[in-house]
Amino acid sequence: MGRAVSRAAALLVPVLLSVATLAQAPRPAIDVDALGPQVGEPVPQFRLPDQNGVDRTLEDIVGPQGAILIFHRSADW
């Protein structure tokens, strides 16, 4: 059993090193100025389903004091 463990460890080490190398690879810079409306810009008209599947527009959600829009990308896309 000791040899099996040694062999498994010997096979696993290069994989872990490869994963560590990939994790350290520099990511390309993201140009946030190109990502949708910026702070203070008007939001374009939209029609999107809410959590219950009902289509909503900007006019539907803006109240007397305005609205805060938060877009959350699901982890299962």
N, C-alpha and C. Protein backbone atom coordinates (compact mmCIF):
# COMPACT_ATOMS: atom_id res chain seq x y z
N MET A 1 0.81 -1.18 0.00
CA MET A 1 0.00 0.00 0.00
C MET A 1 0.86 1.26 0.00
N GLY A 2 2.03 1.19 0.60
CA GLY A 2 2.93 2.34 0.64
C GLY A 2 3.35 2.77 -0.75
N ARG A 3 3.60 1.80 -1.64
CA ARG A 3 3.98 2.14 -3.01
C ARG A 3 2.83 2.80 -3.77
N ALA A 4 1.62 2.32 -3.52
CA ALA A 4 0.47 2.91 -4.20
C ALA A 4 0.29 4.36 -3.79
N VAL A 5 0.49 4.64 -2.52
CA VAL A 5 0.36 6.02 -2.03
C VAL A 5 1.48 6.87 -2.62
N SER A 6 2.71 6.34 -2.65
CA SER A 6 3.84 7.08 -3.22
C SER A 6 3.60 7.37 -4.68
N ARG A 7 3.10 6.38 -5.40
CA ARG A 7 2.85 6.58 -6.83
C ARG A 7 1.75 7.61 -7.06
N ALA A 8 0.69 7.54 -6.26
CA ALA A 8 -0.40 8.50 -6.38
C ALA A 8 0.11 9.91 -6.10
N ALA A 9 0.95 10.03 -5.07
CA ALA A 9 1.51 11.34 -4.74
C ALA A 9 2.40 11.84 -5.87
N ALA A 10 3.18 10.95 -6.46
CA ALA A 10 4.06 11.34 -7.56
C ALA A 10 3.27 11.80 -8.77
N LEU A 11 2.11 11.21 -8.99
CA LEU A 11 1.26 11.63 -10.11
C LEU A 11 0.51 12.92 -9.79
N LEU A 12 0.19 13.12 -8.54
CA LEU A 12 -0.60 14.27 -8.15
C LEU A 12 0.21 15.56 -8.09
N VAL A 13 1.46 15.48 -7.72
CA VAL A 13 2.30 16.68 -7.57
C VAL A 13 2.38 17.48 -8.86
N PRO A 14 2.68 16.88 -10.02
CA PRO A 14 2.73 17.70 -11.25
C PRO A 14 1.39 18.35 -11.57
N VAL A 15 0.29 17.68 -11.27
CA VAL A 15 -1.03 18.25 -11.53
C VAL A 15 -1.24 19.47 -10.64
N LEU A 16 -0.90 19.35 -9.37
CA LEU A 16 -1.05 20.48 -8.46
C LEU A 16 -0.16 21.64 -8.86
N LEU A 17 1.05 21.35 -9.30
CA LEU A 17 1.94 22.41 -9.75
C LEU A 17 1.38 23.11 -10.99
N SER A 18 0.78 22.33 -11.90
CA SER A 18 0.17 22.92 -13.10
C SER A 18 -0.98 23.83 -12.72
N VAL A 19 -1.82 23.38 -11.79
CA VAL A 19 -2.95 24.19 -11.35
C VAL A 19 -2.46 25.46 -10.69
N ALA A 20 -1.43 25.36 -9.87
CA ALA A 20 -0.87 26.53 -9.20
C ALA A 20 -0.31 27.51 -10.22
N THR A 21 0.33 27.00 -11.27
CA THR A 21 0.88 27.87 -12.32
C THR A 21 -0.24 28.58 -13.05
N LEU A 22 -1.33 27.87 -13.35
CA LEU A 22 -2.47 28.49 -14.03
C LEU A 22 -3.11 29.56 -13.15
N ALA A 23 -3.18 29.29 -11.87
CA ALA A 23 -3.80 30.25 -10.96
C ALA A 23 -2.99 31.54 -10.88
N GLN A 24 -1.70 31.47 -11.13
CA GLN A 24 -0.85 32.65 -11.04
C GLN A 24 -0.72 33.39 -12.37
N ALA A 25 -1.27 32.82 -13.43
CA ALA A 25 -1.16 33.46 -14.74
C ALA A 25 -1.87 34.81 -14.69
N PRO A 26 -1.24 35.86 -15.22
CA PRO A 26 -1.88 37.18 -15.17
C PRO A 26 -3.14 37.21 -16.03
N ARG A 27 -4.15 37.86 -15.52
CA ARG A 27 -5.40 38.01 -16.27
C ARG A 27 -5.30 39.28 -17.09
N PRO A 28 -5.94 39.29 -18.24
CA PRO A 28 -5.95 40.53 -19.03
C PRO A 28 -6.74 41.60 -18.29
N ALA A 29 -6.34 42.82 -18.44
CA ALA A 29 -7.02 43.94 -17.78
C ALA A 29 -8.43 44.08 -18.35
N ILE A 30 -9.37 44.42 -17.50
CA ILE A 30 -10.76 44.63 -17.91
C ILE A 30 -11.01 46.12 -18.02
N ASP A 31 -11.52 46.53 -19.17
CA ASP A 31 -11.84 47.94 -19.40
C ASP A 31 -13.26 48.19 -18.87
N VAL A 32 -13.37 48.63 -17.61
CA VAL A 32 -14.68 48.82 -17.00
C VAL A 32 -15.48 49.92 -17.69
N ASP A 33 -14.81 50.82 -18.39
CA ASP A 33 -15.53 51.86 -19.12
C ASP A 33 -16.33 51.30 -20.29
N ALA A 34 -16.05 50.05 -20.67
CA ALA A 34 -16.75 49.43 -21.79
C ALA A 34 -17.83 48.46 -21.31
N LEU A 35 -18.07 48.39 -20.00
CA LEU A 35 -19.02 47.43 -19.45
C LEU A 35 -20.34 48.10 -19.06
N GLY A 36 -21.21 48.27 -20.00
CA GLY A 36 -22.55 48.78 -19.70
C GLY A 36 -22.56 50.21 -19.20
N PRO A 37 -23.70 50.62 -18.66
CA PRO A 37 -23.82 52.00 -18.17
C PRO A 37 -22.84 52.26 -17.03
N GLN A 38 -22.31 53.44 -17.02
CA GLN A 38 -21.37 53.84 -15.97
C GLN A 38 -22.12 54.59 -14.88
N VAL A 39 -21.47 54.76 -13.74
CA VAL A 39 -22.08 55.47 -12.62
C VAL A 39 -22.54 56.85 -13.08
N GLY A 40 -23.80 57.15 -12.82
CA GLY A 40 -24.36 58.45 -13.17
C GLY A 40 -25.00 58.51 -14.54
N GLU A 41 -24.74 57.54 -15.40
CA GLU A 41 -25.37 57.52 -16.74
C GLU A 41 -26.79 56.99 -16.63
N PRO A 42 -27.68 57.47 -17.48
CA PRO A 42 -29.03 56.92 -17.49
C PRO A 42 -29.01 55.46 -17.95
N VAL A 43 -29.89 54.68 -17.38
CA VAL A 43 -30.01 53.28 -17.78
C VAL A 43 -30.88 53.20 -19.02
N PRO A 44 -30.48 52.42 -20.02
CA PRO A 44 -31.33 52.29 -21.21
C PRO A 44 -32.63 51.55 -20.88
N GLN A 45 -33.63 51.77 -21.70
CA GLN A 45 -34.90 51.07 -21.52
C GLN A 45 -34.66 49.57 -21.61
N PHE A 46 -35.37 48.81 -20.80
CA PHE A 46 -35.22 47.35 -20.82
C PHE A 46 -36.52 46.69 -20.45
N ARG A 47 -36.61 45.41 -20.75
CA ARG A 47 -37.70 44.54 -20.33
C ARG A 47 -37.04 43.22 -19.98
N LEU A 48 -37.04 42.90 -18.68
CA LEU A 48 -36.38 41.70 -18.18
C LEU A 48 -37.30 40.97 -17.20
N PRO A 49 -37.18 39.63 -17.14
CA PRO A 49 -38.00 38.89 -16.18
C PRO A 49 -37.44 39.04 -14.76
N ASP A 50 -38.37 39.16 -13.80
CA ASP A 50 -37.94 39.19 -12.40
C ASP A 50 -37.81 37.76 -11.88
N GLN A 51 -37.61 37.61 -10.56
CA GLN A 51 -37.41 36.29 -9.97
C GLN A 51 -38.62 35.38 -10.11
N ASN A 52 -39.78 35.97 -10.42
CA ASN A 52 -41.00 35.17 -10.62
C ASN A 52 -41.36 34.98 -12.08
N GLY A 53 -40.49 35.45 -12.98
CA GLY A 53 -40.73 35.30 -14.41
C GLY A 53 -41.61 36.38 -15.02
N VAL A 54 -41.98 37.39 -14.23
CA VAL A 54 -42.82 38.49 -14.73
C VAL A 54 -41.91 39.53 -15.36
N ASP A 55 -42.23 39.91 -16.60
CA ASP A 55 -41.43 40.94 -17.27
C ASP A 55 -41.59 42.28 -16.57
N ARG A 56 -40.47 42.96 -16.34
CA ARG A 56 -40.46 44.27 -15.71
C ARG A 56 -39.71 45.24 -16.60
N THR A 57 -40.13 46.50 -16.56
CA THR A 57 -39.43 47.56 -17.28
C THR A 57 -38.88 48.54 -16.25
N LEU A 58 -38.07 49.46 -16.71
CA LEU A 58 -37.52 50.48 -15.82
C LEU A 58 -38.65 51.26 -15.15
N GLU A 59 -39.67 51.59 -15.91
CA GLU A 59 -40.80 52.34 -15.36
C GLU A 59 -41.51 51.56 -14.26
N ASP A 60 -41.54 50.22 -14.36
CA ASP A 60 -42.19 49.39 -13.34
C ASP A 60 -41.49 49.46 -11.99
N ILE A 61 -40.18 49.63 -11.99
CA ILE A 61 -39.45 49.52 -10.73
C ILE A 61 -39.03 50.84 -10.12
N VAL A 62 -39.07 51.94 -10.88
CA VAL A 62 -38.66 53.23 -10.33
C VAL A 62 -39.77 53.78 -9.45
N GLY A 63 -39.40 54.11 -8.21
CA GLY A 63 -40.35 54.70 -7.27
C GLY A 63 -40.11 56.19 -7.14
N PRO A 64 -40.75 56.84 -6.18
CA PRO A 64 -40.62 58.28 -6.01
C PRO A 64 -39.19 58.73 -5.69
N GLN A 65 -38.40 57.83 -5.11
CA GLN A 65 -37.02 58.18 -4.78
C GLN A 65 -36.02 57.52 -5.73
N GLY A 66 -36.50 56.99 -6.83
CA GLY A 66 -35.62 56.36 -7.80
C GLY A 66 -35.56 54.85 -7.59
N ALA A 67 -34.46 54.26 -8.01
CA ALA A 67 -34.29 52.82 -7.89
C ALA A 67 -32.80 52.49 -7.91
N ILE A 68 -32.47 51.36 -7.35
CA ILE A 68 -31.11 50.83 -7.43
C ILE A 68 -31.20 49.54 -8.22
N LEU A 69 -30.42 49.44 -9.26
CA LEU A 69 -30.37 48.22 -10.06
C LEU A 69 -29.09 47.47 -9.74
N ILE A 70 -29.25 46.21 -9.42
CA ILE A 70 -28.10 45.35 -9.15
C ILE A 70 -28.20 44.16 -10.09
N PHE A 71 -27.16 43.96 -10.87
CA PHE A 71 -27.11 42.83 -11.79
C PHE A 71 -26.14 41.81 -11.21
N HIS A 72 -26.63 40.61 -10.99
CA HIS A 72 -25.82 39.54 -10.39
C HIS A 72 -25.74 38.39 -11.37
N ARG A 73 -24.54 38.04 -11.73
CA ARG A 73 -24.35 36.91 -12.63
C ARG A 73 -24.34 35.63 -11.84
N SER A 74 -25.21 34.73 -12.20
CA SER A 74 -25.32 33.46 -11.51
C SER A 74 -24.07 32.62 -11.73
N ALA A 75 -23.73 31.83 -10.75
CA ALA A 75 -22.55 30.97 -10.86
C ALA A 75 -22.81 29.75 -11.73
N ASP A 76 -24.05 29.49 -12.11
CA ASP A 76 -24.33 28.28 -12.89
C ASP A 76 -24.58 28.57 -14.38
N TRP A 77 -24.12 29.74 -14.87
CA TRP A 77 -24.30 30.04 -16.28
C TRP A 77 -23.36 29.23 -17.11
